[in-house]
Amino acid sequence: MTRLTVNERPVQFLMDGDTPLLWALRDAANLTGTKYGCGNGDCGACTVIIDGEGIRSCLVTLAEVEGRFVTTIEALSGDRSHPLQQAIMAEGAVQCGFCTPGFVMAGAALLARNPGANREEIAAAIPNLCPCGAAPRIVRAIERAGRAMRGRERLDSLPVPGLDPAQAAQTVPAMEGDPAPPAKPAT
């Protein structure tokens, strides 16, 4: 049994201590924002913040995080108000989006320590791989978020995630009315 704090909540995993943190988060805690990419720490898609540092969760075991504090993308900011989340959107730094949570978590950990990080410091802290080519925009977004955190730039607020059906119907008229009832399972 491994005890740690995940997203500000004390948890205990009844899993083998050799289980990679990635799989404990995804399979046991249902925190699927942390992505499996390569499994050997190269891509960075699985990056989470452990005790303030961006760490690839595929490379650490549950036993290694015993008693530590883990933050996943789900808890960075539920209302998208983190400056890096806003800067990522403002820079159009999302292409397929698969690697984005890892970039955001690595960038957020860096900016928490050093909101004035330059490109070289960003490159050293964010060696993540993005096969879609969004990496240069992500670097610009990290720089922009740092400026916002230092009060040198203003970022427009993003809409809060999730809409109720009435709000959605205003934007997408095909969604008017009550949602269809769930399908009945085949017998």
N, C-alpha and C. Protein backbone atom coordinates (compact mmCIF):
# COMPACT_ATOMS: atom_id res chain seq x y z
N MET A 1 0.85 -1.17 0.00
CA MET A 1 0.00 0.00 0.00
C MET A 1 0.90 1.24 0.00
N THR A 2 0.65 2.13 -0.95
CA THR A 2 1.43 3.35 -1.08
C THR A 2 0.54 4.55 -0.79
N ARG A 3 1.01 5.42 0.10
CA ARG A 3 0.26 6.63 0.46
C ARG A 3 0.99 7.84 -0.08
N LEU A 4 0.22 8.70 -0.72
CA LEU A 4 0.75 9.95 -1.23
C LEU A 4 -0.39 10.94 -1.37
N THR A 5 -0.08 12.14 -1.79
CA THR A 5 -1.10 13.14 -2.02
C THR A 5 -1.17 13.41 -3.52
N VAL A 6 -2.33 13.22 -4.09
CA VAL A 6 -2.54 13.45 -5.52
C VAL A 6 -3.59 14.55 -5.66
N ASN A 7 -3.20 15.61 -6.33
CA ASN A 7 -4.12 16.74 -6.56
C ASN A 7 -4.74 17.22 -5.26
N GLU A 8 -3.88 17.36 -4.25
CA GLU A 8 -4.23 17.89 -2.93
C GLU A 8 -5.14 16.97 -2.12
N ARG A 9 -5.22 15.71 -2.52
CA ARG A 9 -6.03 14.75 -1.77
C ARG A 9 -5.15 13.58 -1.35
N PRO A 10 -5.20 13.21 -0.07
CA PRO A 10 -4.44 12.03 0.34
C PRO A 10 -5.07 10.77 -0.27
N VAL A 11 -4.23 9.94 -0.85
CA VAL A 11 -4.70 8.69 -1.45
C VAL A 11 -3.78 7.57 -1.05
N GLN A 12 -4.28 6.36 -1.15
CA GLN A 12 -3.42 5.20 -0.99
C GLN A 12 -3.75 4.24 -2.13
N PHE A 13 -2.71 3.76 -2.75
CA PHE A 13 -2.86 2.82 -3.86
C PHE A 13 -2.59 1.42 -3.34
N LEU A 14 -3.52 0.53 -3.58
CA LEU A 14 -3.36 -0.88 -3.20
C LEU A 14 -2.80 -1.62 -4.41
N MET A 15 -1.64 -1.17 -4.84
CA MET A 15 -0.98 -1.73 -6.02
C MET A 15 0.46 -2.05 -5.64
N ASP A 16 1.09 -2.87 -6.43
CA ASP A 16 2.50 -3.20 -6.23
C ASP A 16 3.33 -1.93 -6.25
N GLY A 17 4.26 -1.79 -5.33
CA GLY A 17 5.11 -0.60 -5.26
C GLY A 17 5.96 -0.38 -6.50
N ASP A 18 6.16 -1.42 -7.30
CA ASP A 18 6.94 -1.29 -8.54
C ASP A 18 6.10 -0.79 -9.72
N THR A 19 4.82 -0.57 -9.52
CA THR A 19 3.95 -0.05 -10.57
C THR A 19 4.36 1.37 -10.92
N PRO A 20 4.55 1.67 -12.20
CA PRO A 20 4.84 3.06 -12.57
C PRO A 20 3.70 3.98 -12.14
N LEU A 21 4.06 5.15 -11.65
CA LEU A 21 3.07 6.14 -11.23
C LEU A 21 2.06 6.40 -12.35
N LEU A 22 2.52 6.46 -13.59
CA LEU A 22 1.64 6.69 -14.74
C LEU A 22 0.43 5.76 -14.70
N TRP A 23 0.67 4.47 -14.50
CA TRP A 23 -0.44 3.51 -14.55
C TRP A 23 -1.31 3.60 -13.31
N ALA A 24 -0.74 3.93 -12.18
CA ALA A 24 -1.56 4.13 -10.98
C ALA A 24 -2.50 5.31 -11.19
N LEU A 25 -1.98 6.40 -11.76
CA LEU A 25 -2.82 7.57 -12.01
C LEU A 25 -3.92 7.27 -13.02
N ARG A 26 -3.54 6.66 -14.13
CA ARG A 26 -4.50 6.40 -15.21
C ARG A 26 -5.49 5.29 -14.85
N ASP A 27 -4.99 4.16 -14.37
CA ASP A 27 -5.84 2.98 -14.18
C ASP A 27 -6.56 2.96 -12.85
N ALA A 28 -5.90 3.35 -11.78
CA ALA A 28 -6.52 3.27 -10.45
C ALA A 28 -7.23 4.57 -10.07
N ALA A 29 -6.65 5.72 -10.43
CA ALA A 29 -7.24 7.00 -10.03
C ALA A 29 -8.08 7.63 -11.14
N ASN A 30 -8.10 7.03 -12.33
CA ASN A 30 -8.86 7.52 -13.47
C ASN A 30 -8.48 8.95 -13.86
N LEU A 31 -7.22 9.30 -13.67
CA LEU A 31 -6.70 10.61 -14.07
C LEU A 31 -6.02 10.44 -15.42
N THR A 32 -6.82 10.44 -16.47
CA THR A 32 -6.34 10.07 -17.80
C THR A 32 -5.75 11.23 -18.59
N GLY A 33 -5.67 12.40 -18.00
CA GLY A 33 -4.99 13.52 -18.67
C GLY A 33 -3.50 13.27 -18.80
N THR A 34 -2.96 12.47 -17.90
CA THR A 34 -1.56 12.07 -17.98
C THR A 34 -1.47 10.98 -19.03
N LYS A 35 -0.75 11.24 -20.11
CA LYS A 35 -0.76 10.35 -21.28
C LYS A 35 0.41 9.39 -21.29
N TYR A 36 0.16 8.20 -21.84
CA TYR A 36 1.23 7.24 -22.13
C TYR A 36 1.70 7.53 -23.55
N GLY A 37 2.98 7.79 -23.68
CA GLY A 37 3.53 8.05 -25.01
C GLY A 37 4.52 6.98 -25.39
N CYS A 38 5.67 6.99 -24.74
CA CYS A 38 6.75 6.08 -25.15
C CYS A 38 7.08 5.04 -24.09
N GLY A 39 6.80 5.34 -22.84
CA GLY A 39 7.09 4.41 -21.76
C GLY A 39 8.54 4.40 -21.29
N ASN A 40 9.41 5.21 -21.92
CA ASN A 40 10.81 5.22 -21.49
C ASN A 40 11.31 6.63 -21.17
N GLY A 41 10.42 7.59 -20.99
CA GLY A 41 10.79 8.92 -20.55
C GLY A 41 11.25 9.88 -21.63
N ASP A 42 11.21 9.48 -22.89
CA ASP A 42 11.69 10.36 -23.95
C ASP A 42 10.68 11.43 -24.36
N CYS A 43 9.41 11.08 -24.45
CA CYS A 43 8.44 11.99 -25.06
C CYS A 43 7.90 13.05 -24.10
N GLY A 44 7.77 12.74 -22.83
CA GLY A 44 7.28 13.71 -21.86
C GLY A 44 5.77 13.83 -21.77
N ALA A 45 5.01 13.03 -22.53
CA ALA A 45 3.56 13.11 -22.49
C ALA A 45 2.99 12.78 -21.11
N CYS A 46 3.74 12.05 -20.31
CA CYS A 46 3.27 11.61 -19.00
C CYS A 46 3.73 12.52 -17.86
N THR A 47 4.28 13.68 -18.17
CA THR A 47 4.84 14.55 -17.13
C THR A 47 3.77 15.02 -16.15
N VAL A 48 4.08 14.88 -14.88
CA VAL A 48 3.28 15.41 -13.77
C VAL A 48 4.22 16.23 -12.90
N ILE A 49 3.68 16.95 -11.96
CA ILE A 49 4.50 17.71 -11.02
C ILE A 49 4.56 16.92 -9.71
N ILE A 50 5.77 16.59 -9.31
CA ILE A 50 5.99 15.89 -8.04
C ILE A 50 6.84 16.80 -7.16
N ASP A 51 6.27 17.22 -6.05
CA ASP A 51 6.95 18.12 -5.12
C ASP A 51 7.55 19.33 -5.85
N GLY A 52 6.80 19.88 -6.80
CA GLY A 52 7.21 21.09 -7.49
C GLY A 52 8.08 20.89 -8.71
N GLU A 53 8.42 19.65 -9.04
CA GLU A 53 9.30 19.39 -10.18
C GLU A 53 8.56 18.59 -11.25
N GLY A 54 8.73 18.96 -12.50
CA GLY A 54 8.14 18.21 -13.60
C GLY A 54 8.88 16.88 -13.76
N ILE A 55 8.15 15.79 -13.59
CA ILE A 55 8.74 14.44 -13.63
C ILE A 55 7.91 13.58 -14.58
N ARG A 56 8.59 12.76 -15.34
CA ARG A 56 7.91 11.81 -16.22
C ARG A 56 7.40 10.64 -15.38
N SER A 57 6.09 10.51 -15.32
CA SER A 57 5.47 9.53 -14.43
C SER A 57 5.68 8.08 -14.87
N CYS A 58 6.14 7.87 -16.11
CA CYS A 58 6.42 6.49 -16.53
C CYS A 58 7.74 6.00 -15.95
N LEU A 59 8.55 6.92 -15.43
CA LEU A 59 9.88 6.55 -14.93
C LEU A 59 9.97 6.41 -13.42
N VAL A 60 8.90 6.74 -12.69
CA VAL A 60 8.93 6.63 -11.23
C VAL A 60 7.88 5.61 -10.79
N THR A 61 8.23 4.87 -9.77
CA THR A 61 7.31 3.86 -9.25
C THR A 61 6.50 4.44 -8.10
N LEU A 62 5.45 3.73 -7.77
CA LEU A 62 4.66 4.13 -6.61
C LEU A 62 5.51 4.19 -5.36
N ALA A 63 6.39 3.23 -5.19
CA ALA A 63 7.25 3.21 -4.00
C ALA A 63 8.10 4.47 -3.92
N GLU A 64 8.53 4.99 -5.06
CA GLU A 64 9.38 6.19 -5.08
C GLU A 64 8.62 7.46 -4.75
N VAL A 65 7.30 7.45 -4.88
CA VAL A 65 6.52 8.65 -4.58
C VAL A 65 5.79 8.56 -3.25
N GLU A 66 6.08 7.54 -2.49
CA GLU A 66 5.48 7.38 -1.15
C GLU A 66 5.67 8.68 -0.37
N GLY A 67 4.56 9.23 0.15
CA GLY A 67 4.61 10.43 0.99
C GLY A 67 4.80 11.74 0.24
N ARG A 68 4.85 11.71 -1.07
CA ARG A 68 5.11 12.92 -1.85
C ARG A 68 3.81 13.54 -2.36
N PHE A 69 3.93 14.74 -2.95
CA PHE A 69 2.80 15.48 -3.48
C PHE A 69 2.85 15.47 -5.01
N VAL A 70 1.80 14.95 -5.62
CA VAL A 70 1.71 14.82 -7.07
C VAL A 70 0.57 15.70 -7.57
N THR A 71 0.84 16.45 -8.63
CA THR A 71 -0.20 17.24 -9.28
C THR A 71 -0.28 16.82 -10.73
N THR A 72 -1.49 16.52 -11.18
CA THR A 72 -1.71 16.15 -12.58
C THR A 72 -2.38 17.31 -13.30
N ILE A 73 -2.49 17.20 -14.61
CA ILE A 73 -3.10 18.25 -15.42
C ILE A 73 -4.52 18.55 -14.95
N GLU A 74 -5.22 17.55 -14.43
CA GLU A 74 -6.60 17.77 -13.98
C GLU A 74 -6.69 18.79 -12.86
N ALA A 75 -5.63 18.94 -12.08
CA ALA A 75 -5.68 19.84 -10.92
C ALA A 75 -4.89 21.13 -11.12
N LEU A 76 -4.27 21.30 -12.28
CA LEU A 76 -3.50 22.52 -12.47
C LEU A 76 -4.41 23.73 -12.35
N SER A 77 -5.55 23.67 -13.00
CA SER A 77 -6.52 24.76 -12.92
C SER A 77 -7.83 24.27 -13.55
N GLY A 78 -8.80 24.01 -12.74
CA GLY A 78 -10.08 23.52 -13.23
C GLY A 78 -10.82 24.49 -14.11
N ASP A 79 -10.52 25.78 -13.98
CA ASP A 79 -11.23 26.78 -14.78
C ASP A 79 -10.36 27.38 -15.88
N ARG A 80 -9.24 26.73 -16.19
CA ARG A 80 -8.31 27.16 -17.24
C ARG A 80 -7.67 28.52 -16.94
N SER A 81 -7.58 28.89 -15.68
CA SER A 81 -7.05 30.21 -15.36
C SER A 81 -5.54 30.24 -15.19
N HIS A 82 -4.88 29.10 -15.22
CA HIS A 82 -3.42 29.12 -15.11
C HIS A 82 -2.86 29.88 -16.31
N PRO A 83 -1.92 30.79 -16.09
CA PRO A 83 -1.39 31.57 -17.20
C PRO A 83 -0.85 30.73 -18.35
N LEU A 84 -0.27 29.58 -18.06
CA LEU A 84 0.25 28.76 -19.15
C LEU A 84 -0.88 28.16 -19.98
N GLN A 85 -1.96 27.76 -19.35
CA GLN A 85 -3.10 27.26 -20.12
C GLN A 85 -3.64 28.36 -21.04
N GLN A 86 -3.72 29.57 -20.53
CA GLN A 86 -4.22 30.67 -21.35
C GLN A 86 -3.24 31.00 -22.47
N ALA A 87 -1.96 30.99 -22.17
CA ALA A 87 -0.96 31.31 -23.19
C ALA A 87 -0.90 30.23 -24.27
N ILE A 88 -1.06 28.98 -23.90
CA ILE A 88 -1.09 27.88 -24.88
C ILE A 88 -2.21 28.14 -25.89
N MET A 89 -3.36 28.52 -25.41
CA MET A 89 -4.48 28.79 -26.32
C MET A 89 -4.24 30.06 -27.12
N ALA A 90 -3.71 31.09 -26.49
CA ALA A 90 -3.47 32.35 -27.20
C ALA A 90 -2.44 32.18 -28.32
N GLU A 91 -1.47 31.31 -28.12
CA GLU A 91 -0.43 31.06 -29.13
C GLU A 91 -0.83 30.01 -30.15
N GLY A 92 -2.00 29.40 -29.97
CA GLY A 92 -2.40 28.31 -30.86
C GLY A 92 -1.42 27.16 -30.78
N ALA A 93 -0.97 26.86 -29.58
CA ALA A 93 0.10 25.88 -29.37
C ALA A 93 -0.42 24.47 -29.14
N VAL A 94 -1.55 24.16 -29.73
CA VAL A 94 -2.10 22.81 -29.63
C VAL A 94 -2.36 22.34 -31.05
N GLN A 95 -1.83 21.20 -31.37
CA GLN A 95 -2.12 20.63 -32.68
C GLN A 95 -2.96 19.39 -32.44
N CYS A 96 -2.35 18.22 -32.31
CA CYS A 96 -3.18 17.04 -32.01
C CYS A 96 -3.60 17.06 -30.55
N GLY A 97 -2.78 17.68 -29.68
CA GLY A 97 -3.12 17.82 -28.27
C GLY A 97 -2.66 16.69 -27.37
N PHE A 98 -2.19 15.59 -27.94
CA PHE A 98 -1.82 14.43 -27.12
C PHE A 98 -0.70 14.76 -26.14
N CYS A 99 0.33 15.46 -26.60
CA CYS A 99 1.47 15.75 -25.74
C CYS A 99 1.25 17.00 -24.88
N THR A 100 0.19 17.75 -25.15
CA THR A 100 -0.03 19.03 -24.48
C THR A 100 -0.04 18.93 -22.96
N PRO A 101 -0.71 17.98 -22.32
CA PRO A 101 -0.68 17.94 -20.86
C PRO A 101 0.73 17.84 -20.29
N GLY A 102 1.58 17.05 -20.93
CA GLY A 102 2.96 16.91 -20.46
C GLY A 102 3.73 18.21 -20.59
N PHE A 103 3.57 18.89 -21.74
CA PHE A 103 4.23 20.19 -21.92
C PHE A 103 3.73 21.19 -20.89
N VAL A 104 2.42 21.22 -20.66
CA VAL A 104 1.85 22.18 -19.71
C VAL A 104 2.39 21.92 -18.30
N MET A 105 2.45 20.67 -17.90
CA MET A 105 2.91 20.37 -16.54
C MET A 105 4.40 20.67 -16.38
N ALA A 106 5.20 20.32 -17.38
CA ALA A 106 6.63 20.63 -17.30
C ALA A 106 6.83 22.15 -17.29
N GLY A 107 6.09 22.86 -18.14
CA GLY A 107 6.19 24.31 -18.20
C GLY A 107 5.71 24.98 -16.92
N ALA A 108 4.62 24.48 -16.36
CA ALA A 108 4.09 25.05 -15.11
C ALA A 108 5.08 24.88 -13.97
N ALA A 109 5.73 23.72 -13.90
CA ALA A 109 6.73 23.49 -12.85
C ALA A 109 7.90 24.46 -13.02
N LEU A 110 8.35 24.64 -14.25
CA LEU A 110 9.44 25.59 -14.51
C LEU A 110 9.03 27.01 -14.12
N LEU A 111 7.85 27.44 -14.58
CA LEU A 111 7.42 28.82 -14.31
C LEU A 111 7.17 29.07 -12.83
N ALA A 112 6.79 28.05 -12.09
CA ALA A 112 6.61 28.22 -10.63
C ALA A 112 7.95 28.53 -9.97
N ARG A 113 9.02 27.93 -10.50
CA ARG A 113 10.36 28.18 -9.96
C ARG A 113 10.97 29.45 -10.54
N ASN A 114 10.69 29.70 -11.83
CA ASN A 114 11.36 30.79 -12.54
C ASN A 114 10.47 31.36 -13.64
N PRO A 115 9.59 32.30 -13.29
CA PRO A 115 8.71 32.87 -14.31
C PRO A 115 9.44 33.70 -15.36
N GLY A 116 10.71 33.98 -15.14
CA GLY A 116 11.51 34.73 -16.11
C GLY A 116 12.43 33.83 -16.94
N ALA A 117 12.09 32.56 -17.03
CA ALA A 117 12.94 31.62 -17.76
C ALA A 117 13.14 32.05 -19.21
N ASN A 118 14.38 31.96 -19.69
CA ASN A 118 14.66 32.29 -21.09
C ASN A 118 14.55 31.02 -21.93
N ARG A 119 14.75 31.17 -23.24
CA ARG A 119 14.57 30.02 -24.15
C ARG A 119 15.49 28.85 -23.82
N GLU A 120 16.72 29.14 -23.43
CA GLU A 120 17.64 28.07 -23.09
C GLU A 120 17.18 27.31 -21.85
N GLU A 121 16.71 28.04 -20.85
CA GLU A 121 16.20 27.41 -19.63
C GLU A 121 14.93 26.60 -19.92
N ILE A 122 14.09 27.14 -20.79
CA ILE A 122 12.88 26.41 -21.18
C ILE A 122 13.26 25.13 -21.91
N ALA A 123 14.19 25.23 -22.86
CA ALA A 123 14.61 24.04 -23.61
C ALA A 123 15.19 22.97 -22.68
N ALA A 124 15.92 23.39 -21.66
CA ALA A 124 16.50 22.43 -20.72
C ALA A 124 15.43 21.77 -19.85
N ALA A 125 14.40 22.53 -19.49
CA ALA A 125 13.35 22.02 -18.61
C ALA A 125 12.26 21.29 -19.37
N ILE A 126 12.17 21.54 -20.67
CA ILE A 126 11.08 20.98 -21.47
C ILE A 126 11.65 20.22 -22.67
N PRO A 127 12.27 19.07 -22.43
CA PRO A 127 12.80 18.30 -23.56
C PRO A 127 11.75 17.40 -24.21
N ASN A 128 10.47 17.69 -23.96
CA ASN A 128 9.39 16.87 -24.50
C ASN A 128 9.44 16.84 -26.02
N LEU A 129 8.88 15.78 -26.58
CA LEU A 129 8.81 15.63 -28.03
C LEU A 129 7.39 15.89 -28.50
N CYS A 130 7.27 16.61 -29.61
CA CYS A 130 5.97 16.85 -30.22
C CYS A 130 6.09 16.54 -31.70
N PRO A 131 5.62 15.37 -32.13
CA PRO A 131 5.75 15.01 -33.54
C PRO A 131 4.91 15.89 -34.46
N CYS A 132 3.94 16.61 -33.93
CA CYS A 132 3.09 17.45 -34.77
C CYS A 132 3.74 18.79 -35.11
N GLY A 133 4.76 19.16 -34.40
CA GLY A 133 5.45 20.41 -34.69
C GLY A 133 4.98 21.62 -33.90
N ALA A 134 4.23 21.42 -32.83
CA ALA A 134 3.75 22.54 -32.03
C ALA A 134 4.79 23.05 -31.03
N ALA A 135 5.92 22.36 -30.90
CA ALA A 135 6.90 22.71 -29.87
C ALA A 135 7.35 24.17 -29.91
N PRO A 136 7.64 24.77 -31.08
CA PRO A 136 8.05 26.19 -31.06
C PRO A 136 6.96 27.11 -30.50
N ARG A 137 5.71 26.81 -30.80
CA ARG A 137 4.60 27.62 -30.26
C ARG A 137 4.46 27.39 -28.76
N ILE A 138 4.74 26.18 -28.31
CA ILE A 138 4.66 25.89 -26.88
C ILE A 138 5.74 26.66 -26.14
N VAL A 139 6.93 26.73 -26.69
CA VAL A 139 8.00 27.51 -26.07
C VAL A 139 7.58 28.98 -25.99
N ARG A 140 7.01 29.51 -27.08
CA ARG A 140 6.52 30.90 -27.05
C ARG A 140 5.44 31.07 -25.99
N ALA A 141 4.57 30.07 -25.84
CA ALA A 141 3.51 30.16 -24.84
C ALA A 141 4.09 30.16 -23.43
N ILE A 142 5.13 29.38 -23.19
CA ILE A 142 5.76 29.36 -21.87
C ILE A 142 6.39 30.73 -21.58
N GLU A 143 7.05 31.30 -22.58
CA GLU A 143 7.61 32.65 -22.40
C GLU A 143 6.50 33.66 -22.11
N ARG A 144 5.42 33.56 -22.85
CA ARG A 144 4.30 34.50 -22.69
C ARG A 144 3.65 34.35 -21.32
N ALA A 145 3.47 33.12 -20.88
CA ALA A 145 2.90 32.88 -19.55
C ALA A 145 3.81 33.46 -18.47
N GLY A 146 5.12 33.31 -18.65
CA GLY A 146 6.06 33.90 -17.70
C GLY A 146 5.92 35.41 -17.63
N ARG A 147 5.76 36.05 -18.79
CA ARG A 147 5.56 37.51 -18.80
C ARG A 147 4.28 37.87 -18.06
N ALA A 148 3.23 37.08 -18.27
CA ALA A 148 1.95 37.35 -17.59
C ALA A 148 2.10 37.16 -16.08
N MET A 149 2.84 36.14 -15.68
CA MET A 149 3.04 35.88 -14.26
C MET A 149 3.85 36.99 -13.59
N ARG A 150 4.71 37.64 -14.37
CA ARG A 150 5.52 38.75 -13.85
C ARG A 150 4.80 40.09 -14.00
N GLY A 151 3.56 40.07 -14.53
CA GLY A 151 2.78 41.30 -14.69
C GLY A 151 3.20 42.13 -15.88
N ARG A 152 3.92 41.55 -16.83
CA ARG A 152 4.38 42.31 -18.00
C ARG A 152 3.50 42.14 -19.22
N GLU A 153 2.53 41.25 -19.13
CA GLU A 153 1.61 41.02 -20.23
C GLU A 153 0.28 40.56 -19.65
N ARG A 154 -0.78 40.93 -20.34
CA ARG A 154 -2.11 40.52 -19.92
C ARG A 154 -2.61 39.45 -20.89
N LEU A 155 -3.16 38.39 -20.33
CA LEU A 155 -3.76 37.34 -21.15
C LEU A 155 -5.27 37.39 -20.96
N ASP A 156 -5.99 37.29 -22.05
CA ASP A 156 -7.45 37.26 -21.95
C ASP A 156 -7.88 35.95 -21.31
N SER A 157 -8.91 36.01 -20.51
CA SER A 157 -9.42 34.82 -19.84
C SER A 157 -10.09 33.91 -20.86
N LEU A 158 -9.93 32.62 -20.65
CA LEU A 158 -10.58 31.62 -21.48
C LEU A 158 -11.94 31.31 -20.89
N PRO A 159 -12.86 30.83 -21.71
CA PRO A 159 -14.15 30.43 -21.14
C PRO A 159 -13.97 29.23 -20.22
N VAL A 160 -14.81 29.16 -19.23
CA VAL A 160 -14.78 28.05 -18.29
C VAL A 160 -15.18 26.79 -19.06
N PRO A 161 -14.49 25.66 -18.83
CA PRO A 161 -14.83 24.45 -19.58
C PRO A 161 -16.22 23.95 -19.25
N GLY A 162 -16.84 23.37 -20.24
CA GLY A 162 -18.16 22.77 -20.05
C GLY A 162 -19.28 23.77 -20.21
N LEU A 163 -20.26 23.40 -20.95
CA LEU A 163 -21.45 24.23 -21.14
C LEU A 163 -22.67 23.41 -20.78
N ASP A 164 -23.67 24.10 -20.27
CA ASP A 164 -24.91 23.35 -20.07
C ASP A 164 -25.62 23.30 -21.43
N PRO A 165 -26.55 22.38 -21.62
CA PRO A 165 -27.20 22.22 -22.93
C PRO A 165 -27.84 23.49 -23.46
N ALA A 166 -28.40 24.34 -22.58
CA ALA A 166 -29.03 25.58 -23.05
C ALA A 166 -27.99 26.51 -23.67
N GLN A 167 -26.80 26.62 -23.02
CA GLN A 167 -25.74 27.45 -23.58
C GLN A 167 -25.25 26.87 -24.90
N ALA A 168 -25.10 25.57 -24.97
CA ALA A 168 -24.63 24.93 -26.20
C ALA A 168 -25.62 25.16 -27.33
N ALA A 169 -26.93 25.14 -27.03
CA ALA A 169 -27.94 25.32 -28.07
C ALA A 169 -27.87 26.71 -28.68
N GLN A 170 -27.40 27.69 -27.93
CA GLN A 170 -27.25 29.04 -28.49
C GLN A 170 -26.17 29.07 -29.55
N THR A 171 -25.15 28.28 -29.37
CA THR A 171 -24.03 28.25 -30.30
C THR A 171 -24.23 27.20 -31.38
N VAL A 172 -24.78 26.07 -31.01
CA VAL A 172 -24.98 24.96 -31.93
C VAL A 172 -26.47 24.61 -31.89
N PRO A 173 -27.29 25.23 -32.77
CA PRO A 173 -28.73 25.02 -32.70
C PRO A 173 -29.17 23.56 -32.80
N ALA A 174 -28.38 22.70 -33.41
CA ALA A 174 -28.76 21.29 -33.52
C ALA A 174 -28.82 20.62 -32.17
N MET A 175 -28.31 21.27 -31.14
CA MET A 175 -28.31 20.67 -29.81
C MET A 175 -29.51 21.11 -28.98
N GLU A 176 -30.48 21.78 -29.59
CA GLU A 176 -31.65 22.24 -28.85
C GLU A 176 -32.42 21.07 -28.27
N GLY A 177 -33.13 21.33 -27.21
CA GLY A 177 -33.97 20.30 -26.61
C GLY A 177 -33.20 19.42 -25.65
N ASP A 178 -33.91 18.46 -25.13
CA ASP A 178 -33.31 17.53 -24.17
C ASP A 178 -32.39 16.57 -24.92
N PRO A 179 -31.30 16.20 -24.25
CA PRO A 179 -30.43 15.22 -24.88
C PRO A 179 -31.16 13.89 -25.05
N ALA A 180 -30.76 13.12 -26.03
CA ALA A 180 -31.38 11.81 -26.26
C ALA A 180 -31.14 10.91 -25.06
N PRO A 181 -32.14 10.08 -24.73
CA PRO A 181 -31.94 9.17 -23.60
C PRO A 181 -30.83 8.18 -23.92
N PRO A 182 -30.17 7.67 -22.89
CA PRO A 182 -29.08 6.71 -23.15
C PRO A 182 -29.64 5.47 -23.83
N ALA A 183 -28.82 4.89 -24.68
CA ALA A 183 -29.23 3.68 -25.38
C ALA A 183 -29.34 2.53 -24.39
N LYS A 184 -30.32 1.68 -24.63
CA LYS A 184 -30.51 0.52 -23.76
C LYS A 184 -29.56 -0.58 -24.21
N PRO A 185 -28.97 -1.28 -23.25
CA PRO A 185 -28.04 -2.35 -23.63
C PRO A 185 -28.79 -3.47 -24.35
N ALA A 186 -28.11 -4.09 -25.30
CA ALA A 186 -28.69 -5.21 -26.03
C ALA A 186 -28.83 -6.41 -25.10
N THR A 187 -29.91 -7.12 -25.26
CA THR A 187 -30.11 -8.28 -24.39
C THR A 187 -29.86 -9.58 -25.13
